[in-house]
């Protein structure tokens, strides 16, 4: 029998575990710190549009993880910035009843935003599956997760990386559907991951404060840079019309506890944890540098978010016009450098 080992007990991982628990799907949730300690002792406070439940989960501390089995599938749900460390921890762990390791024998499914984790996983794991997940979830208080997707928890596209679909991806999609997600598989998961990144580059603006029209203008500039850069890097972005599932009735429920402007990037800063901006806007900056595309807006917000992260917590937002000032200064410096060349 397939068991899902969920690595990471944040908003995505804990809600997956809750849905598996509620729908009779075998799983183990592995986490660390205060969150997993609270869940192990008290259960998870799981808030959905239909109400809040206190759910006991099959939870393990990373210091004492469950023994891996030959029929396990690993679901990597930590943030992008924590994925490399998690992969290093799990890759060479033994699998009971075999002489091999997790990286040799077990599939791993990467749920991270951005484009970096799949390639990192493929460095060690022979069988990597990417997942693009859209779920309005919030984790800002220890022991509590709020998910506002209605009627389904979220939308997931899964496929083998770098390409392909097989029995394993079909099984994962079917189990996610059984667990309460709108789930589909794709033979080109890179297209769906890159299309989601196109929207994720706006997340960083939740750390900034200013007029709605200026926020919109900067957001459009971030997306435009991202689109041009991804295209230059050879990505063909998936379109909503290509979905094989009907998502027309799915929504974020009103009064569900999910508030605009509080997505995953904001939540990390609110908790005082590490930032994923380097794997969202930073991915666009990286691809721009590799492929000769200027990305001044993504450069600027990455720099400002990096400085903000050094404070350790989100004590106050940054004015939006600081982004424009930084871009203007950078452009002036670049032009000065160009004109000084003999």
Protein backbone atom coordinates (compact mmCIF):
# COMPACT_ATOMS: atom_id res chain seq x y z
CA UNK A 1 0.00 0.00 0.00
CA UNK A 2 1.33 3.42 -0.95
CA UNK A 3 2.27 5.70 1.93
CA UNK A 4 2.94 9.39 1.40
CA UNK A 5 5.78 10.79 3.49
CA UNK A 6 5.09 14.52 3.68
CA UNK A 7 8.30 16.46 4.33
CA UNK A 8 7.44 19.83 5.83
CA UNK A 9 4.59 20.79 8.16
CA UNK A 10 3.79 24.29 6.92
CA UNK A 11 0.66 25.43 5.14
CA UNK A 12 0.92 23.01 2.20
CA UNK A 13 2.31 20.01 4.07
CA UNK A 14 0.03 20.20 7.10
CA UNK A 15 -3.09 20.71 4.97
CA UNK A 16 -2.12 17.74 2.80
CA UNK A 17 -1.74 15.63 5.93
CA UNK A 18 -5.10 16.81 7.24
CA UNK A 19 -6.82 15.97 3.97
CA UNK A 20 -5.16 12.55 3.86
CA UNK A 21 -6.22 11.91 7.44
CA UNK A 22 -9.81 12.92 6.74
CA UNK A 23 -10.01 10.78 3.59
CA UNK A 24 -8.28 7.61 4.74
CA UNK A 25 -5.04 7.93 2.76
CA UNK A 26 -1.94 6.50 4.43
CA UNK A 27 0.68 9.14 5.20
CA UNK A 28 3.34 10.34 7.64
CA UNK A 29 3.94 14.04 8.28
CA UNK A 30 7.53 14.99 9.15
CA UNK A 31 8.49 18.44 10.40
CA UNK A 32 10.66 20.27 12.86
CA UNK A 33 10.51 22.98 15.48
CA UNK A 34 7.54 24.34 17.38
CA UNK A 35 5.02 23.54 14.64
CA UNK A 36 5.58 19.78 14.62
CA UNK A 37 5.96 19.65 18.40
CA UNK A 38 2.58 21.33 18.80
CA UNK A 39 0.95 19.05 16.22
CA UNK A 40 2.34 15.94 17.89
CA UNK A 41 1.10 17.02 21.30
CA UNK A 42 -2.17 18.77 20.52
CA UNK A 43 -3.05 17.99 16.90
CA UNK A 44 -3.58 20.52 14.11
CA UNK A 45 -6.18 23.28 14.22
CA UNK A 46 -7.40 23.01 10.63
CA UNK A 47 -9.69 25.78 9.42
CA UNK A 48 -11.72 25.36 6.24
CA UNK A 49 -14.71 27.36 4.93
CA UNK A 50 -16.96 24.66 6.40
CA UNK A 51 -15.51 25.06 9.90
CA UNK A 52 -12.51 24.36 12.13
CA UNK A 53 -11.42 20.94 13.33
CA UNK A 54 -8.76 19.81 15.74
CA UNK A 55 -7.19 16.87 13.93
CA UNK A 56 -4.74 14.34 15.29
CA UNK A 57 -2.12 13.61 12.66
CA UNK A 58 0.44 10.85 12.17
CA UNK A 59 3.31 13.24 12.81
CA UNK A 60 7.04 12.75 13.33
CA UNK A 61 9.83 15.08 14.36
CA UNK A 62 12.68 15.30 11.86
CA UNK A 63 15.01 14.29 14.69
CA UNK A 64 13.27 10.89 14.76
CA UNK A 65 11.77 10.33 11.30
CA UNK A 66 9.77 7.25 10.27
CA UNK A 67 11.56 4.32 8.68
CA UNK A 68 11.18 4.44 4.94
CA UNK A 69 9.36 1.64 3.10
CA UNK A 70 9.65 0.41 -0.50
CA UNK A 71 6.15 1.66 -1.37
CA UNK A 72 6.62 5.19 0.01
CA UNK A 73 6.26 8.32 -2.09
CA UNK A 74 7.99 11.42 -0.71
CA UNK A 75 6.12 14.72 -0.93
CA UNK A 76 8.57 17.59 -0.48
CA UNK A 77 6.53 20.54 0.84
CA UNK A 78 9.18 22.70 2.51
CA UNK A 79 9.82 26.17 1.08
CA UNK A 80 12.17 26.45 -1.91
CA UNK A 81 14.98 27.89 0.20
CA UNK A 82 14.87 24.81 2.47
CA UNK A 83 14.60 22.20 -0.27
CA UNK A 84 18.31 21.57 -0.80
CA UNK A 85 18.86 20.74 2.86
CA UNK A 86 15.81 18.49 2.93
CA UNK A 87 16.93 16.63 -0.18
CA UNK A 88 20.37 16.10 1.33
CA UNK A 89 18.77 14.67 4.49
CA UNK A 90 16.43 12.26 2.72
CA UNK A 91 18.38 11.17 -0.38
CA UNK A 92 20.64 8.59 1.19
CA UNK A 93 18.38 7.29 3.93
CA UNK A 94 17.95 3.50 3.82
CA UNK A 95 14.72 1.90 2.67
CA UNK A 96 13.57 -1.02 4.82
CA UNK A 97 13.70 -4.43 3.16
CA UNK A 98 16.13 -3.26 0.47
CA UNK A 99 19.84 -2.63 0.17
CA UNK A 100 19.19 0.69 -1.55
CA UNK A 101 18.49 4.29 -0.56
CA UNK A 102 15.55 6.65 -0.95
CA UNK A 103 17.19 8.39 -3.90
CA UNK A 104 17.54 5.06 -5.73
CA UNK A 105 14.17 3.55 -4.94
CA UNK A 106 11.55 6.14 -4.01
CA UNK A 107 9.78 8.83 -6.03
CA UNK A 108 9.94 12.40 -4.73
CA UNK A 109 7.34 15.03 -5.59
CA UNK A 110 8.43 18.68 -5.41
CA UNK A 111 5.71 21.17 -4.42
CA UNK A 112 7.93 24.26 -4.34
CA UNK A 113 7.28 27.55 -6.10
CA UNK A 114 9.93 28.52 -8.62
CA UNK A 115 11.98 26.34 -10.95
CA UNK A 116 15.04 25.31 -8.94
CA UNK A 117 13.94 22.36 -6.82
CA UNK A 118 13.22 19.80 -9.53
CA UNK A 119 16.74 19.99 -10.95
CA UNK A 120 18.20 19.88 -7.44
CA UNK A 121 16.16 16.76 -6.69
CA UNK A 122 17.21 15.10 -9.95
CA UNK A 123 20.83 15.45 -8.89
CA UNK A 124 20.26 12.60 -6.42
CA UNK A 125 16.78 11.10 -6.93
CA UNK A 126 16.24 8.88 -9.96
CA UNK A 127 12.49 9.50 -10.02
CA UNK A 128 11.41 13.12 -9.66
CA UNK A 129 7.89 14.48 -10.10
CA UNK A 130 7.06 18.18 -10.10
CA UNK A 131 3.83 19.54 -8.65
CA UNK A 132 2.35 22.97 -9.32
CA UNK A 133 -0.12 23.72 -6.54
CA UNK A 134 -2.57 26.56 -6.17
CA UNK A 135 -4.06 26.57 -2.69
CA UNK A 136 -5.05 29.62 -0.63
CA UNK A 137 -3.45 28.51 2.63
CA UNK A 138 -2.10 30.41 5.63
CA UNK A 139 0.35 29.33 8.30
CA UNK A 140 1.23 32.19 10.62
CA UNK A 141 0.38 30.71 14.04
CA UNK A 142 1.94 27.60 15.53
CA UNK A 143 -0.37 24.61 15.35
CA UNK A 144 -2.88 26.26 13.01
CA UNK A 145 -3.41 26.16 9.26
CA UNK A 146 -6.17 27.95 7.36
CA UNK A 147 -7.21 26.92 3.84
CA UNK A 148 -9.84 28.93 1.98
CA UNK A 149 -10.23 26.93 -1.24
CA UNK A 150 -13.83 25.95 -1.89
CA UNK A 151 -15.24 23.46 -2.55
CA UNK A 152 -11.91 21.75 -3.18
CA UNK A 153 -8.81 22.53 -1.13
CA UNK A 154 -6.73 23.54 -4.13
CA UNK A 155 -5.62 22.80 -7.69
CA UNK A 156 -2.62 20.55 -8.38
CA UNK A 157 -0.89 19.64 -11.63
CA UNK A 158 1.70 16.86 -11.36
CA UNK A 159 4.06 15.26 -13.85
CA UNK A 160 7.35 13.50 -14.17
CA UNK A 161 10.39 15.78 -14.37
CA UNK A 162 11.80 16.84 -16.75
CA UNK A 163 8.96 15.40 -18.84
CA UNK A 164 6.50 12.56 -19.05
CA UNK A 165 3.55 10.99 -17.30
CA UNK A 166 3.39 7.45 -15.97
CA UNK A 167 1.62 5.15 -13.54
CA UNK A 168 3.16 6.93 -10.55
CA UNK A 169 2.04 10.41 -11.61
CA UNK A 170 -1.40 8.98 -12.35
CA UNK A 171 -1.57 7.43 -8.88
CA UNK A 172 -0.47 10.68 -7.20
CA UNK A 173 -3.06 12.72 -9.11
CA UNK A 174 -5.78 10.17 -8.29
CA UNK A 175 -4.92 10.17 -4.57
CA UNK A 176 -4.84 13.97 -4.47
CA UNK A 177 -8.28 14.04 -6.11
CA UNK A 178 -9.52 11.54 -3.54
CA UNK A 179 -8.08 13.78 -0.81
CA UNK A 180 -10.12 16.78 -1.92
CA UNK A 181 -7.96 18.52 -4.52
CA UNK A 182 -8.69 19.30 -8.15
CA UNK A 183 -5.80 17.25 -9.54
CA UNK A 184 -4.49 16.50 -13.01
CA UNK A 185 -1.30 15.20 -14.55
CA UNK A 186 0.79 16.74 -17.29
CA UNK A 187 3.53 15.34 -19.49
CA UNK A 188 5.31 18.72 -19.45
CA UNK A 189 5.29 19.90 -15.84
CA UNK A 190 7.94 22.55 -16.58
CA UNK A 191 5.34 24.54 -18.50
CA UNK A 192 2.99 24.62 -15.51
CA UNK A 193 5.73 25.44 -13.01
CA UNK A 194 6.96 28.34 -15.15
CA UNK A 195 3.43 29.63 -15.70
CA UNK A 196 2.89 29.73 -11.94
CA UNK A 197 6.19 31.55 -11.44
CA UNK A 198 4.89 34.25 -13.78
CA UNK A 199 2.29 35.07 -11.12
CA UNK A 200 4.46 34.37 -8.07
CA UNK A 201 6.81 37.25 -8.92
CA UNK A 202 4.10 39.61 -7.65
CA UNK A 203 4.12 38.01 -4.18
CA UNK A 204 7.00 40.18 -3.02
CA UNK A 205 4.87 43.33 -3.34
CA UNK A 206 2.99 42.27 -0.21
CA UNK A 207 6.06 43.49 1.69
CA UNK A 208 5.59 46.99 0.29
CA UNK A 209 3.05 49.73 0.95
CA UNK A 210 1.73 52.38 -1.41
CA UNK A 211 -1.02 53.41 -3.85
CA UNK A 212 -2.95 50.65 -5.62
CA UNK A 213 -2.22 52.08 -9.05
CA UNK A 214 1.53 52.11 -8.40
CA UNK A 215 1.35 48.57 -7.02
CA UNK A 216 -0.41 47.51 -10.22
CA UNK A 217 2.16 49.20 -12.45
CA UNK A 218 5.10 47.61 -10.65
CA UNK A 219 3.35 44.26 -10.61
CA UNK A 220 2.83 44.40 -14.37
CA UNK A 221 6.48 45.34 -14.86
CA UNK A 222 7.60 42.34 -12.76
CA UNK A 223 5.39 39.99 -14.76
CA UNK A 224 6.46 41.45 -18.10
CA UNK A 225 10.13 40.98 -17.22
CA UNK A 226 9.40 37.45 -16.05
CA UNK A 227 7.53 36.54 -19.23
CA UNK A 228 10.26 37.87 -21.52
CA UNK A 229 12.97 36.19 -19.49
CA UNK A 230 11.25 32.82 -19.31
CA UNK A 231 10.64 32.90 -23.05
CA UNK A 232 14.29 33.77 -23.68
CA UNK A 233 15.24 30.78 -21.51
CA UNK A 234 13.12 28.50 -23.68
CA UNK A 235 10.08 28.05 -21.44
CA UNK A 236 6.67 27.72 -23.11
CA UNK A 237 4.19 28.79 -20.50
CA UNK A 238 1.08 26.65 -20.01
CA UNK A 239 -2.26 28.38 -20.61
CA UNK A 240 -5.36 27.93 -18.41
CA UNK A 241 -7.25 26.57 -21.44
CA UNK A 242 -4.91 23.55 -21.46
CA UNK A 243 -6.25 22.20 -18.18
CA UNK A 244 -7.82 18.77 -18.33
CA UNK A 245 -9.97 19.45 -15.27
CA UNK A 246 -12.84 21.89 -14.79
CA UNK A 247 -11.89 24.54 -12.24
CA UNK A 248 -14.70 26.96 -13.08
CA UNK A 249 -16.56 26.33 -9.81
CA UNK A 250 -13.47 26.60 -7.61
CA UNK A 251 -12.96 29.79 -5.61
CA UNK A 252 -11.46 31.30 -2.49
CA UNK A 253 -14.38 31.38 -0.08
CA UNK A 254 -15.37 34.68 1.49
CA UNK A 255 -14.78 35.02 5.24
CA UNK A 256 -12.58 31.91 5.12
CA UNK A 257 -9.70 33.46 7.06
CA UNK A 258 -7.66 34.02 3.89
CA UNK A 259 -6.98 37.70 3.31
CA UNK A 260 -5.61 39.44 0.20
CA UNK A 261 -1.98 40.43 0.47
CA UNK A 262 -0.98 37.58 2.79
CA UNK A 263 0.44 34.93 0.49
CA UNK A 264 3.38 32.64 1.19
CA UNK A 265 6.12 35.29 0.93
CA UNK A 266 4.36 37.61 3.38
CA UNK A 267 3.70 34.69 5.73
CA UNK A 268 7.40 33.77 5.87
CA UNK A 269 8.34 37.34 6.77
CA UNK A 270 5.50 37.55 9.30
CA UNK A 271 6.83 34.42 11.04
CA UNK A 272 10.38 35.73 10.92
CA UNK A 273 11.62 32.78 8.85
CA UNK A 274 13.72 32.70 5.70
CA UNK A 275 12.64 34.30 2.44
CA UNK A 276 11.69 32.54 -0.82
CA UNK A 277 12.14 35.72 -2.90
CA UNK A 278 15.54 34.53 -4.15
CA UNK A 279 13.77 31.56 -5.77
CA UNK A 280 10.95 33.61 -7.28
CA UNK A 281 12.15 37.05 -8.39
CA UNK A 282 15.70 35.75 -7.98
CA UNK A 283 15.00 33.01 -10.51
CA UNK A 284 14.02 35.67 -13.05
CA UNK A 285 17.16 37.65 -12.22
CA UNK A 286 19.28 34.50 -12.69
CA UNK A 287 17.68 33.61 -16.03
CA UNK A 288 17.96 37.21 -17.17
CA UNK A 289 21.69 37.24 -16.48
CA UNK A 290 22.13 33.89 -18.24
CA UNK A 291 20.17 34.89 -21.32
CA UNK A 292 20.93 38.59 -21.67
CA UNK A 293 17.58 40.00 -20.56
CA UNK A 294 17.52 43.07 -18.32
CA UNK A 295 15.33 42.60 -15.23
CA UNK A 296 15.59 45.87 -13.25
CA UNK A 297 12.28 45.50 -11.38
CA UNK A 298 12.97 41.95 -10.26
CA UNK A 299 16.53 42.96 -9.37
CA UNK A 300 15.25 45.80 -7.22
CA UNK A 301 12.62 43.86 -5.27
CA UNK A 302 15.00 40.98 -4.68
CA UNK A 303 17.59 43.35 -3.24
CA UNK A 304 15.08 45.15 -1.04
CA UNK A 305 13.52 41.90 0.19
CA UNK A 306 16.98 40.55 0.98
CA UNK A 307 17.74 43.57 3.12
CA UNK A 308 14.35 43.27 4.79
CA UNK A 309 15.01 39.61 5.58
CA UNK A 310 18.13 40.59 7.50
CA UNK A 311 15.90 42.32 10.05
CA UNK A 312 14.56 38.91 11.10
CA UNK A 313 10.86 39.87 11.08
CA UNK A 314 8.42 42.09 9.22
CA UNK A 315 8.29 45.04 11.61
CA UNK A 316 7.12 47.43 8.89
CA UNK A 317 6.50 47.49 5.16
CA UNK A 318 8.67 49.37 2.66
CA UNK A 319 7.25 52.23 0.54
CA UNK A 320 6.64 51.15 -3.05
CA UNK A 321 8.40 54.21 -4.45
CA UNK A 322 11.68 52.92 -3.02
CA UNK A 323 11.58 50.32 -5.79
CA UNK A 324 11.41 53.05 -8.44
CA UNK A 325 14.20 55.04 -6.78
CA UNK A 326 16.44 51.99 -6.74
CA UNK A 327 15.75 51.31 -10.41
CA UNK A 328 16.45 54.93 -11.34
CA UNK A 329 19.74 54.89 -9.43
CA UNK A 330 20.78 51.60 -11.02
CA UNK A 331 19.93 52.89 -14.49
CA UNK A 332 21.92 56.06 -13.89
CA UNK A 333 24.91 54.04 -12.75
CA UNK A 334 24.64 51.75 -15.76
CA UNK A 335 24.41 54.64 -18.20
CA UNK A 336 27.36 56.38 -16.56
CA UNK A 337 29.36 53.21 -16.91
CA UNK A 338 28.42 52.88 -20.56
CA UNK A 339 29.34 56.48 -21.42
CA UNK A 340 32.67 56.22 -19.65
CA UNK A 341 33.82 53.38 -21.89
CA UNK A 342 36.27 54.80 -24.48
